[in-house]
Amino acid sequence: MAMSSNHTNLRDIWYTLIGIPGLEDAHIWLSIPICSMYIVAIAGNTLLIFLIFTHHSLHEPMYIFLSMLALADIILSTVTTPKVLAIFWFQAGGISFASCVSQMFFLHFMFVTESAILLAMAFDRYVAICFPLRYTTILTPSVIGRMGITSVARSFLICFPLVFLVYRLTYCGRNIIHHSYCEHMGIARLACDNIKVNIYYGMTVPLFSIGLDIMLVIISYTLILRSVFRIPSRDARLKALGTCGSHVCVILLFYTPSLFTFFAHRFGGHSIPRHIHILFANLYVVVPPTLNPIIYGVKTKQIQEKVFSFSKACF
């Protein structure tokens, strides 16, 4: 289908997402673990939110932040996974320009939001360990609410310009996206125009937002470790470190595959096959949301107890 370069007709453009290039014959097999993880992610995070909001004993800053993370996980995985499964099962790769841009925006928006939530959770652990007597007075409900609003507002301000950056471009016929979902540079590379602004902004966003979050998380845990190793009792040190174990696992689970995908996509394009890029891109939007509630369920005694009591009440 010929594409008009007239910007008023952009909403008439349809793209075709082809899934994972080079692994088309394995789409059905790949859909099995992805679908399974998506179901577990939705069920696990929904249960986590339900338990936190229905049990007063879990109305603490740590668990409120955890409920924010669970909600972000549900949205992040839902933005992409249903469309991925539709491509794998029914070859339903068609997507309108507006839908593609919407998916792009919410994907990047939720990723930056989740990074901000992980930073807030690191600050929560810092206050809990370094200022335990002032924990509830520092992290009041109003402070937690402002931190949540700030996280969302910052993510919106960072990611909304991406919408203008792709809408300003002129498109002239190419409509095949070699990916299983829409992301910023995947759309921009279909344009006839110079996309240097898109490239520069696409580099700036992760470097100055995600990079800043990672740096502040590292600083938080440096201060936490310094405080912990000043505790004279070995058992007290282990207990303090144990409260951070779940969060550290979640941080590594979130940042490691996403940073690998980011740097491999930009600097390893010739040495790493495209299907590896796309496969990792699919995994990092579904694996962390799947494992996060499991990690907190295994490592957090209060959540374990509530899950067991909920299970008994249901069965």
C-alpha atoms as a PDB file:
ATOM      1  CA  MET A   1       0.000   0.000   0.000  1.00  0.00           C
ATOM      2  CA  ALA A   2       1.458   3.344  -0.998  1.00  0.00           C
ATOM      3  CA  MET A   3       1.924   5.757   1.881  1.00  0.00           C
ATOM      4  CA  SER A   4       1.087   9.415   1.659  1.00  0.00           C
ATOM      5  CA  SER A   5       3.690  11.875   2.894  1.00  0.00           C
ATOM      6  CA  ASN A   6       0.906  14.228   3.933  1.00  0.00           C
ATOM      7  CA  HIS A   7       0.895  14.438   7.716  1.00  0.00           C
ATOM      8  CA  THR A   8      -2.911  14.732   7.769  1.00  0.00           C
ATOM      9  CA  ASN A   9      -3.067  11.152   6.443  1.00  0.00           C
ATOM     10  CA  LEU A  10      -0.748   9.615   9.034  1.00  0.00           C
ATOM     11  CA  ARG A  11      -3.672   8.031  10.847  1.00  0.00           C
ATOM     12  CA  ASP A  12      -4.407   6.060   7.675  1.00  0.00           C
ATOM     13  CA  ILE A  13      -0.989   4.371   7.694  1.00  0.00           C
ATOM     14  CA  TRP A  14      -0.922   0.718   8.706  1.00  0.00           C
ATOM     15  CA  TYR A  15       2.253  -1.008   9.790  1.00  0.00           C
ATOM     16  CA  THR A  16       3.025  -4.703   9.853  1.00  0.00           C
ATOM     17  CA  LEU A  17       4.818  -6.130  12.887  1.00  0.00           C
ATOM     18  CA  ILE A  18       6.516  -9.364  11.890  1.00  0.00           C
ATOM     19  CA  GLY A  19       7.352 -10.742  15.324  1.00  0.00           C
ATOM     20  CA  ILE A  20      10.890 -12.059  15.799  1.00  0.00           C
ATOM     21  CA  PRO A  21      12.763 -11.967  12.455  1.00  0.00           C
ATOM     22  CA  GLY A  22      14.460 -15.267  11.708  1.00  0.00           C
ATOM     23  CA  LEU A  23      12.429 -17.184  14.268  1.00  0.00           C
ATOM     24  CA  GLU A  24       9.057 -17.146  12.517  1.00  0.00           C
ATOM     25  CA  ASP A  25       8.901 -20.951  12.503  1.00  0.00           C
ATOM     26  CA  ALA A  26       9.350 -20.967  16.283  1.00  0.00           C
ATOM     27  CA  HIS A  27       6.667 -18.370  17.045  1.00  0.00           C
ATOM     28  CA  ILE A  28       4.168 -20.958  18.290  1.00  0.00           C
ATOM     29  CA  TRP A  29       6.743 -22.524  20.614  1.00  0.00           C
ATOM     30  CA  LEU A  30       7.914 -19.141  21.874  1.00  0.00           C
ATOM     31  CA  SER A  31       4.330 -18.134  22.575  1.00  0.00           C
ATOM     32  CA  ILE A  32       3.960 -20.911  25.183  1.00  0.00           C
ATOM     33  CA  PRO A  33       6.442 -19.534  27.762  1.00  0.00           C
ATOM     34  CA  ILE A  34       5.527 -15.918  26.977  1.00  0.00           C
ATOM     35  CA  CYS A  35       1.802 -16.573  27.442  1.00  0.00           C
ATOM     36  CA  SER A  36       2.453 -18.574  30.612  1.00  0.00           C
ATOM     37  CA  MET A  37       4.611 -15.819  32.086  1.00  0.00           C
ATOM     38  CA  TYR A  38       2.049 -13.177  31.164  1.00  0.00           C
ATOM     39  CA  ILE A  39      -0.725 -15.072  32.959  1.00  0.00           C
ATOM     40  CA  VAL A  40       1.474 -15.503  36.029  1.00  0.00           C
ATOM     41  CA  ALA A  41       2.450 -11.817  35.906  1.00  0.00           C
ATOM     42  CA  ILE A  42      -1.168 -10.621  35.786  1.00  0.00           C
ATOM     43  CA  ALA A  43      -2.353 -13.068  38.461  1.00  0.00           C
ATOM     44  CA  GLY A  44       0.637 -12.565  40.780  1.00  0.00           C
ATOM     45  CA  ASN A  45       0.695  -8.765  40.644  1.00  0.00           C
ATOM     46  CA  THR A  46      -3.089  -8.497  40.946  1.00  0.00           C
ATOM     47  CA  LEU A  47      -2.987 -10.735  44.032  1.00  0.00           C
ATOM     48  CA  LEU A  48      -0.163  -8.631  45.466  1.00  0.00           C
ATOM     49  CA  ILE A  49      -2.136  -5.394  45.022  1.00  0.00           C
ATOM     50  CA  PHE A  50      -5.263  -7.011  46.497  1.00  0.00           C
ATOM     51  CA  LEU A  51      -3.406  -8.271  49.587  1.00  0.00           C
ATOM     52  CA  ILE A  52      -1.681  -4.950  50.228  1.00  0.00           C
ATOM     53  CA  PHE A  53      -4.848  -2.880  49.986  1.00  0.00           C
ATOM     54  CA  THR A  54      -7.087  -5.259  51.957  1.00  0.00           C
ATOM     55  CA  HIS A  55      -4.752  -5.918  54.899  1.00  0.00           C
ATOM     56  CA  HIS A  56      -4.084  -2.993  57.194  1.00  0.00           C
ATOM     57  CA  SER A  57      -0.854  -4.552  58.451  1.00  0.00           C
ATOM     58  CA  LEU A  58       0.598  -4.116  54.953  1.00  0.00           C
ATOM     59  CA  HIS A  59      -0.206  -0.399  54.800  1.00  0.00           C
ATOM     60  CA  GLU A  60       3.452   0.480  55.296  1.00  0.00           C
ATOM     61  CA  PRO A  61       5.625   2.535  52.928  1.00  0.00           C
ATOM     62  CA  MET A  62       7.527  -0.528  51.674  1.00  0.00           C
ATOM     63  CA  TYR A  63       4.333  -2.320  50.650  1.00  0.00           C
ATOM     64  CA  ILE A  64       2.703   0.789  49.183  1.00  0.00           C
ATOM     65  CA  PHE A  65       5.713   1.173  46.883  1.00  0.00           C
ATOM     66  CA  LEU A  66       5.483  -2.539  46.118  1.00  0.00           C
ATOM     67  CA  SER A  67       1.843  -2.115  45.063  1.00  0.00           C
ATOM     68  CA  MET A  68       2.926   0.719  42.746  1.00  0.00           C
ATOM     69  CA  LEU A  69       5.543  -1.579  41.234  1.00  0.00           C
ATOM     70  CA  ALA A  70       2.963  -4.348  40.791  1.00  0.00           C
ATOM     71  CA  LEU A  71       0.569  -1.984  38.992  1.00  0.00           C
ATOM     72  CA  ALA A  72       3.390  -0.749  36.739  1.00  0.00           C
ATOM     73  CA  ASP A  73       4.300  -4.377  35.963  1.00  0.00           C
ATOM     74  CA  ILE A  74       0.728  -5.184  34.937  1.00  0.00           C
ATOM     75  CA  ILE A  75       0.550  -2.197  32.597  1.00  0.00           C
ATOM     76  CA  LEU A  76       4.069  -2.717  31.171  1.00  0.00           C
ATOM     77  CA  SER A  77       3.434  -6.343  30.236  1.00  0.00           C
ATOM     78  CA  THR A  78      -0.097  -5.655  28.958  1.00  0.00           C
ATOM     79  CA  VAL A  79       1.056  -2.876  26.625  1.00  0.00           C
ATOM     80  CA  THR A  80       3.011  -5.363  24.489  1.00  0.00           C
ATOM     81  CA  THR A  81       2.298  -9.020  25.289  1.00  0.00           C
ATOM     82  CA  PRO A  82      -1.278  -9.400  23.920  1.00  0.00           C
ATOM     83  CA  LYS A  83      -0.158  -7.999  20.558  1.00  0.00           C
ATOM     84  CA  VAL A  84       2.932 -10.225  20.569  1.00  0.00           C
ATOM     85  CA  LEU A  85       0.755 -13.292  21.159  1.00  0.00           C
ATOM     86  CA  ALA A  86      -1.645 -12.204  18.412  1.00  0.00           C
ATOM     87  CA  ILE A  87       1.299 -12.083  15.994  1.00  0.00           C
ATOM     88  CA  PHE A  88       2.614 -15.454  17.128  1.00  0.00           C
ATOM     89  CA  TRP A  89      -0.780 -17.205  17.035  1.00  0.00           C
ATOM     90  CA  PHE A  90      -2.721 -15.514  14.245  1.00  0.00           C
ATOM     91  CA  GLN A  91      -0.084 -13.580  12.239  1.00  0.00           C
ATOM     92  CA  ALA A  92      -2.106 -10.500  13.197  1.00  0.00           C
ATOM     93  CA  GLY A  93       0.743  -8.061  12.773  1.00  0.00           C
ATOM     94  CA  GLY A  94      -1.287  -5.183  11.333  1.00  0.00           C
ATOM     95  CA  ILE A  95      -1.395  -2.051  13.486  1.00  0.00           C
ATOM     96  CA  SER A  96      -2.464   1.510  12.693  1.00  0.00           C
ATOM     97  CA  PHE A  97      -0.066   4.412  13.021  1.00  0.00           C
ATOM     98  CA  ALA A  98      -1.998   5.871  15.970  1.00  0.00           C
ATOM     99  CA  SER A  99      -2.082   2.521  17.789  1.00  0.00           C
ATOM    100  CA  CYS A 100       1.602   1.990  17.109  1.00  0.00           C
ATOM    101  CA  VAL A 101       2.499   5.408  18.529  1.00  0.00           C
ATOM    102  CA  SER A 102       0.249   4.795  21.558  1.00  0.00           C
ATOM    103  CA  GLN A 103       1.960   1.473  22.235  1.00  0.00           C
ATOM    104  CA  MET A 104       5.352   3.159  21.854  1.00  0.00           C
ATOM    105  CA  PHE A 105       4.457   5.913  24.312  1.00  0.00           C
ATOM    106  CA  PHE A 106       3.033   3.655  27.022  1.00  0.00           C
ATOM    107  CA  LEU A 107       5.922   1.204  26.667  1.00  0.00           C
ATOM    108  CA  HIS A 108       8.572   3.881  27.264  1.00  0.00           C
ATOM    109  CA  PHE A 109       6.402   5.711  29.799  1.00  0.00           C
ATOM    110  CA  MET A 110       5.900   2.621  31.966  1.00  0.00           C
ATOM    111  CA  PHE A 111       9.549   1.652  31.708  1.00  0.00           C
ATOM    112  CA  VAL A 112      10.706   5.066  32.988  1.00  0.00           C
ATOM    113  CA  THR A 113       7.963   5.039  35.643  1.00  0.00           C
ATOM    114  CA  GLU A 114       9.024   1.614  36.901  1.00  0.00           C
ATOM    115  CA  SER A 115      12.616   2.788  37.116  1.00  0.00           C
ATOM    116  CA  ALA A 116      11.475   5.740  39.245  1.00  0.00           C
ATOM    117  CA  ILE A 117       9.478   3.405  41.510  1.00  0.00           C
ATOM    118  CA  LEU A 118      12.550   1.212  42.026  1.00  0.00           C
ATOM    119  CA  LEU A 119      14.471   4.347  43.012  1.00  0.00           C
ATOM    120  CA  ALA A 120      11.719   5.255  45.489  1.00  0.00           C
ATOM    121  CA  MET A 121      11.929   1.734  46.944  1.00  0.00           C
ATOM    122  CA  ALA A 122      15.706   2.133  47.345  1.00  0.00           C
ATOM    123  CA  PHE A 123      15.097   5.382  49.228  1.00  0.00           C
ATOM    124  CA  ASP A 124      12.544   3.531  51.390  1.00  0.00           C
ATOM    125  CA  ARG A 125      15.175   0.908  52.330  1.00  0.00           C
ATOM    126  CA  TYR A 126      17.725   3.671  52.995  1.00  0.00           C
ATOM    127  CA  VAL A 127      15.410   5.439  55.441  1.00  0.00           C
ATOM    128  CA  ALA A 128      14.321   2.158  57.085  1.00  0.00           C
ATOM    129  CA  ILE A 129      17.901   1.065  57.801  1.00  0.00           C
ATOM    130  CA  CYS A 130      19.725   4.364  58.327  1.00  0.00           C
ATOM    131  CA  PHE A 131      16.922   6.218  60.185  1.00  0.00           C
ATOM    132  CA  PRO A 132      14.705   3.453  61.644  1.00  0.00           C
ATOM    133  CA  LEU A 133      13.265   5.607  64.442  1.00  0.00           C
ATOM    134  CA  ARG A 134      12.168   8.295  61.986  1.00  0.00           C
ATOM    135  CA  TYR A 135      10.931   5.891  59.287  1.00  0.00           C
ATOM    136  CA  THR A 136       7.198   6.573  59.640  1.00  0.00           C
ATOM    137  CA  THR A 137       7.673  10.297  60.202  1.00  0.00           C
ATOM    138  CA  ILE A 138       9.802  10.719  57.069  1.00  0.00           C
ATOM    139  CA  LEU A 139       7.768   8.469  54.760  1.00  0.00           C
ATOM    140  CA  THR A 140       4.292   9.713  55.587  1.00  0.00           C
ATOM    141  CA  PRO A 141       1.328   8.902  53.297  1.00  0.00           C
ATOM    142  CA  SER A 142       1.489  12.404  51.817  1.00  0.00           C
ATOM    143  CA  VAL A 143       5.216  12.043  51.060  1.00  0.00           C
ATOM    144  CA  ILE A 144       4.629   8.656  49.454  1.00  0.00           C
ATOM    145  CA  GLY A 145       1.799  10.120  47.372  1.00  0.00           C
ATOM    146  CA  ARG A 146       3.982  12.997  46.201  1.00  0.00           C
ATOM    147  CA  MET A 147       6.761  10.576  45.283  1.00  0.00           C
ATOM    148  CA  GLY A 148       4.305   8.526  43.229  1.00  0.00           C
ATOM    149  CA  ILE A 149       2.911  11.595  41.447  1.00  0.00           C
ATOM    150  CA  THR A 150       6.427  12.898  40.791  1.00  0.00           C
ATOM    151  CA  SER A 151       7.441   9.552  39.281  1.00  0.00           C
ATOM    152  CA  VAL A 152       4.493   9.595  36.884  1.00  0.00           C
ATOM    153  CA  ALA A 153       4.878  13.289  36.013  1.00  0.00           C
ATOM    154  CA  ARG A 154       8.602  12.914  35.326  1.00  0.00           C
ATOM    155  CA  SER A 155       8.003   9.897  33.091  1.00  0.00           C
ATOM    156  CA  PHE A 156       5.294  11.746  31.161  1.00  0.00           C
ATOM    157  CA  LEU A 157       7.506  14.791  30.582  1.00  0.00           C
ATOM    158  CA  ILE A 158      10.361  12.569  29.390  1.00  0.00           C
ATOM    159  CA  CYS A 159       8.340  10.300  27.100  1.00  0.00           C
ATOM    160  CA  PHE A 160       5.610  12.532  25.657  1.00  0.00           C
ATOM    161  CA  PRO A 161       8.073  14.358  23.336  1.00  0.00           C
ATOM    162  CA  LEU A 162       8.602  11.001  21.599  1.00  0.00           C
ATOM    163  CA  VAL A 163       5.063  11.303  20.226  1.00  0.00           C
ATOM    164  CA  PHE A 164       5.875  14.657  18.603  1.00  0.00           C
ATOM    165  CA  LEU A 165       9.212  13.357  17.335  1.00  0.00           C
ATOM    166  CA  VAL A 166       7.561  10.560  15.327  1.00  0.00           C
ATOM    167  CA  TYR A 167       4.564  12.648  14.217  1.00  0.00           C
ATOM    168  CA  ARG A 168       6.811  15.369  12.766  1.00  0.00           C
ATOM    169  CA  LEU A 169       8.437  12.883  10.371  1.00  0.00           C
ATOM    170  CA  THR A 170       7.410  12.256   6.771  1.00  0.00           C
ATOM    171  CA  TYR A 171       6.642   8.645   5.869  1.00  0.00           C
ATOM    172  CA  CYS A 172       6.892   7.455   2.293  1.00  0.00           C
ATOM    173  CA  GLY A 173       5.880   3.841   1.928  1.00  0.00           C
ATOM    174  CA  ARG A 174       7.913   1.601   4.216  1.00  0.00           C
ATOM    175  CA  ASN A 175       5.546  -0.068   6.664  1.00  0.00           C
ATOM    176  CA  ILE A 176       7.293  -3.257   7.801  1.00  0.00           C
ATOM    177  CA  ILE A 177       8.543  -3.156  11.408  1.00  0.00           C
ATOM    178  CA  HIS A 178      11.046  -5.916  12.128  1.00  0.00           C
ATOM    179  CA  HIS A 179       9.893  -6.266  15.702  1.00  0.00           C
ATOM    180  CA  SER A 180       6.991  -7.714  17.670  1.00  0.00           C
ATOM    181  CA  TYR A 181       5.892  -4.367  19.108  1.00  0.00           C
ATOM    182  CA  CYS A 182       6.292  -0.662  18.369  1.00  0.00           C
ATOM    183  CA  GLU A 183       9.147   1.292  19.897  1.00  0.00           C
ATOM    184  CA  HIS A 184      10.515   4.732  19.168  1.00  0.00           C
ATOM    185  CA  MET A 185      13.430   4.005  16.843  1.00  0.00           C
ATOM    186  CA  GLY A 186      11.528   1.216  15.097  1.00  0.00           C
ATOM    187  CA  ILE A 187       8.966   3.779  13.951  1.00  0.00           C
ATOM    188  CA  ALA A 188      11.491   6.547  13.236  1.00  0.00           C
ATOM    189  CA  ARG A 189      13.564   4.345  10.935  1.00  0.00           C
ATOM    190  CA  LEU A 190      10.587   4.025   8.579  1.00  0.00           C
ATOM    191  CA  ALA A 191      10.662   7.756   7.850  1.00  0.00           C
ATOM    192  CA  CYS A 192      12.204   9.456   4.819  1.00  0.00           C
ATOM    193  CA  ASP A 193      13.434  12.410   6.885  1.00  0.00           C
ATOM    194  CA  ASN A 194      16.624  12.920   8.823  1.00  0.00           C
ATOM    195  CA  ILE A 195      16.082  11.228  12.202  1.00  0.00           C
ATOM    196  CA  LYS A 196      19.138  12.578  14.051  1.00  0.00           C
ATOM    197  CA  VAL A 197      16.915  14.361  16.545  1.00  0.00           C
ATOM    198  CA  ASN A 198      15.133  11.084  17.289  1.00  0.00           C
ATOM    199  CA  ILE A 199      18.447   9.294  17.711  1.00  0.00           C
ATOM    200  CA  TYR A 200      19.873  11.949  20.022  1.00  0.00           C
ATOM    201  CA  TYR A 201      16.724  12.133  22.127  1.00  0.00           C
ATOM    202  CA  GLY A 202      16.498   8.334  22.224  1.00  0.00           C
ATOM    203  CA  MET A 203      20.022   8.259  23.641  1.00  0.00           C
ATOM    204  CA  THR A 204      19.437  11.133  26.057  1.00  0.00           C
ATOM    205  CA  VAL A 205      16.319   9.673  27.692  1.00  0.00           C
ATOM    206  CA  PRO A 206      17.936   6.497  29.057  1.00  0.00           C
ATOM    207  CA  LEU A 207      21.251   8.164  29.860  1.00  0.00           C
ATOM    208  CA  PHE A 208      19.771  11.028  31.859  1.00  0.00           C
ATOM    209  CA  SER A 209      16.731   9.333  33.388  1.00  0.00           C
ATOM    210  CA  ILE A 210      17.448   5.629  33.769  1.00  0.00           C
ATOM    211  CA  GLY A 211      21.156   6.333  34.223  1.00  0.00           C
ATOM    212  CA  LEU A 212      20.411   8.885  36.953  1.00  0.00           C
ATOM    213  CA  ASP A 213      18.067   6.438  38.683  1.00  0.00           C
ATOM    214  CA  ILE A 214      20.726   3.718  38.653  1.00  0.00           C
ATOM    215  CA  MET A 215      23.309   6.109  40.051  1.00  0.00           C
ATOM    216  CA  LEU A 216      21.004   7.185  42.893  1.00  0.00           C
ATOM    217  CA  VAL A 217      20.120   3.543  43.652  1.00  0.00           C
ATOM    218  CA  ILE A 218      23.839   2.736  43.891  1.00  0.00           C
ATOM    219  CA  ILE A 219      24.392   5.710  46.207  1.00  0.00           C
ATOM    220  CA  SER A 220      21.462   4.598  48.389  1.00  0.00           C
ATOM    221  CA  TYR A 221      22.829   1.090  48.751  1.00  0.00           C
ATOM    222  CA  THR A 222      26.347   2.383  49.402  1.00  0.00           C
ATOM    223  CA  LEU A 223      24.979   4.378  52.335  1.00  0.00           C
ATOM    224  CA  ILE A 224      22.903   1.375  53.438  1.00  0.00           C
ATOM    225  CA  LEU A 225      25.943  -0.937  53.434  1.00  0.00           C
ATOM    226  CA  ARG A 226      28.017   1.608  55.304  1.00  0.00           C
ATOM    227  CA  SER A 227      25.312   1.845  57.958  1.00  0.00           C
ATOM    228  CA  VAL A 228      24.795  -1.932  58.150  1.00  0.00           C
ATOM    229  CA  PHE A 229      28.468  -2.738  58.661  1.00  0.00           C
ATOM    230  CA  ARG A 230      28.538  -0.356  61.603  1.00  0.00           C
ATOM    231  CA  ILE A 231      26.010  -2.547  63.422  1.00  0.00           C
ATOM    232  CA  PRO A 232      27.927  -4.572  66.046  1.00  0.00           C
ATOM    233  CA  SER A 233      25.643  -7.617  66.052  1.00  0.00           C
ATOM    234  CA  ARG A 234      26.147 -10.086  63.183  1.00  0.00           C
ATOM    235  CA  ASP A 235      22.523 -11.270  63.377  1.00  0.00           C
ATOM    236  CA  ALA A 236      21.280  -7.682  63.232  1.00  0.00           C
ATOM    237  CA  ARG A 237      23.463  -7.041  60.172  1.00  0.00           C
ATOM    238  CA  LEU A 238      22.091 -10.099  58.391  1.00  0.00           C
ATOM    239  CA  LYS A 239      18.519  -9.117  59.256  1.00  0.00           C
ATOM    240  CA  ALA A 240      19.048  -5.596  57.917  1.00  0.00           C
ATOM    241  CA  LEU A 241      20.582  -6.922  54.701  1.00  0.00           C
ATOM    242  CA  GLY A 242      17.763  -9.460  54.388  1.00  0.00           C
ATOM    243  CA  THR A 243      15.194  -6.669  54.181  1.00  0.00           C
ATOM    244  CA  CYS A 244      17.006  -5.412  51.054  1.00  0.00           C
ATOM    245  CA  GLY A 245      17.393  -8.799  49.359  1.00  0.00           C
ATOM    246  CA  SER A 246      14.098  -8.750  47.475  1.00  0.00           C
ATOM    247  CA  HIS A 247      14.621  -5.230  46.213  1.00  0.00           C
ATOM    248  CA  VAL A 248      18.160  -5.939  44.999  1.00  0.00           C
ATOM    249  CA  CYS A 249      16.903  -9.003  43.070  1.00  0.00           C
ATOM    250  CA  VAL A 250      14.137  -6.957  41.452  1.00  0.00           C
ATOM    251  CA  ILE A 251      16.575  -4.170  40.519  1.00  0.00           C
ATOM    252  CA  LEU A 252      18.968  -6.605  38.838  1.00  0.00           C
ATOM    253  CA  LEU A 253      16.057  -8.341  37.100  1.00  0.00           C
ATOM    254  CA  PHE A 254      14.734  -5.054  35.727  1.00  0.00           C
ATOM    255  CA  TYR A 255      17.899  -3.227  34.678  1.00  0.00           C
ATOM    256  CA  THR A 256      20.130  -6.073  33.429  1.00  0.00           C
ATOM    257  CA  PRO A 257      18.086  -7.258  30.388  1.00  0.00           C
ATOM    258  CA  SER A 258      16.883  -3.758  29.507  1.00  0.00           C
ATOM    259  CA  LEU A 259      20.391  -2.280  29.558  1.00  0.00           C
ATOM    260  CA  PHE A 260      21.696  -5.239  27.568  1.00  0.00           C
ATOM    261  CA  THR A 261      19.004  -4.632  24.962  1.00  0.00           C
ATOM    262  CA  PHE A 262      19.689  -0.889  24.873  1.00  0.00           C
ATOM    263  CA  PHE A 263      23.473  -1.148  24.417  1.00  0.00           C
ATOM    264  CA  ALA A 264      23.357  -4.216  22.154  1.00  0.00           C
ATOM    265  CA  HIS A 265      20.820  -2.478  19.905  1.00  0.00           C
ATOM    266  CA  ARG A 266      22.988   0.633  19.533  1.00  0.00           C
ATOM    267  CA  PHE A 267      26.541  -0.713  19.694  1.00  0.00           C
ATOM    268  CA  GLY A 268      26.305  -4.420  18.873  1.00  0.00           C
ATOM    269  CA  GLY A 269      24.152  -4.312  15.783  1.00  0.00           C
ATOM    270  CA  HIS A 270      26.680  -6.101  13.586  1.00  0.00           C
ATOM    271  CA  SER A 271      27.928  -8.651  16.107  1.00  0.00           C
ATOM    272  CA  ILE A 272      24.647  -9.730  17.724  1.00  0.00           C
ATOM    273  CA  PRO A 273      21.931 -11.228  15.474  1.00  0.00           C
ATOM    274  CA  ARG A 274      18.697  -9.253  15.169  1.00  0.00           C
ATOM    275  CA  HIS A 275      16.559 -12.102  16.485  1.00  0.00           C
ATOM    276  CA  ILE A 276      18.589 -12.054  19.731  1.00  0.00           C
ATOM    277  CA  HIS A 277      17.841  -8.331  20.124  1.00  0.00           C
ATOM    278  CA  ILE A 278      14.121  -8.842  19.566  1.00  0.00           C
ATOM    279  CA  LEU A 279      13.927 -11.943  21.768  1.00  0.00           C
ATOM    280  CA  PHE A 280      15.518 -10.096  24.689  1.00  0.00           C
ATOM    281  CA  ALA A 281      13.246  -7.112  24.048  1.00  0.00           C
ATOM    282  CA  ASN A 282      10.242  -9.431  24.413  1.00  0.00           C
ATOM    283  CA  LEU A 283      11.617 -11.042  27.547  1.00  0.00           C
ATOM    284  CA  TYR A 284      12.395  -7.855  29.457  1.00  0.00           C
ATOM    285  CA  VAL A 285       8.766  -6.712  29.314  1.00  0.00           C
ATOM    286  CA  VAL A 286       7.394 -10.019  30.617  1.00  0.00           C
ATOM    287  CA  VAL A 287      10.049 -11.731  32.780  1.00  0.00           C
ATOM    288  CA  PRO A 288      10.444  -9.041  35.515  1.00  0.00           C
ATOM    289  CA  PRO A 289       6.643  -8.615  35.942  1.00  0.00           C
ATOM    290  CA  THR A 290       6.394 -12.402  36.281  1.00  0.00           C
ATOM    291  CA  LEU A 291       9.179 -12.856  38.813  1.00  0.00           C
ATOM    292  CA  ASN A 292       8.727  -9.718  40.944  1.00  0.00           C
ATOM    293  CA  PRO A 293       5.671 -10.964  42.912  1.00  0.00           C
ATOM    294  CA  ILE A 294       7.298 -14.396  43.261  1.00  0.00           C
ATOM    295  CA  ILE A 295      10.500 -12.868  44.656  1.00  0.00           C
ATOM    296  CA  TYR A 296       8.631 -10.752  47.187  1.00  0.00           C
ATOM    297  CA  GLY A 297       6.346 -13.658  48.045  1.00  0.00           C
ATOM    298  CA  VAL A 298       9.303 -15.944  48.758  1.00  0.00           C
ATOM    299  CA  LYS A 299      11.462 -13.413  50.611  1.00  0.00           C
ATOM    300  CA  THR A 300       8.833 -11.435  52.550  1.00  0.00           C
ATOM    301  CA  LYS A 301       7.318 -13.244  55.529  1.00  0.00           C
ATOM    302  CA  GLN A 302       4.313 -10.901  55.857  1.00  0.00           C
ATOM    303  CA  ILE A 303       3.283 -11.481  52.252  1.00  0.00           C
ATOM    304  CA  GLN A 304       3.777 -15.231  52.615  1.00  0.00           C
ATOM    305  CA  GLU A 305       1.413 -15.273  55.581  1.00  0.00           C
ATOM    306  CA  LYS A 306      -1.234 -13.265  53.756  1.00  0.00           C
ATOM    307  CA  VAL A 307      -0.976 -15.503  50.673  1.00  0.00           C
ATOM    308  CA  PHE A 308      -1.417 -18.632  52.814  1.00  0.00           C
ATOM    309  CA  SER A 309      -4.420 -17.177  54.642  1.00  0.00           C
ATOM    310  CA  PHE A 310      -5.936 -16.060  51.318  1.00  0.00           C
ATOM    311  CA  SER A 311      -5.420 -19.552  49.878  1.00  0.00           C
ATOM    312  CA  LYS A 312      -7.115 -21.160  52.869  1.00  0.00           C
ATOM    313  CA  ALA A 313     -10.063 -18.779  52.611  1.00  0.00           C
ATOM    314  CA  CYS A 314     -10.487 -19.593  48.912  1.00  0.00           C
ATOM    315  CA  PHE A 315      -9.969 -23.337  49.029  1.00  0.00           C
END
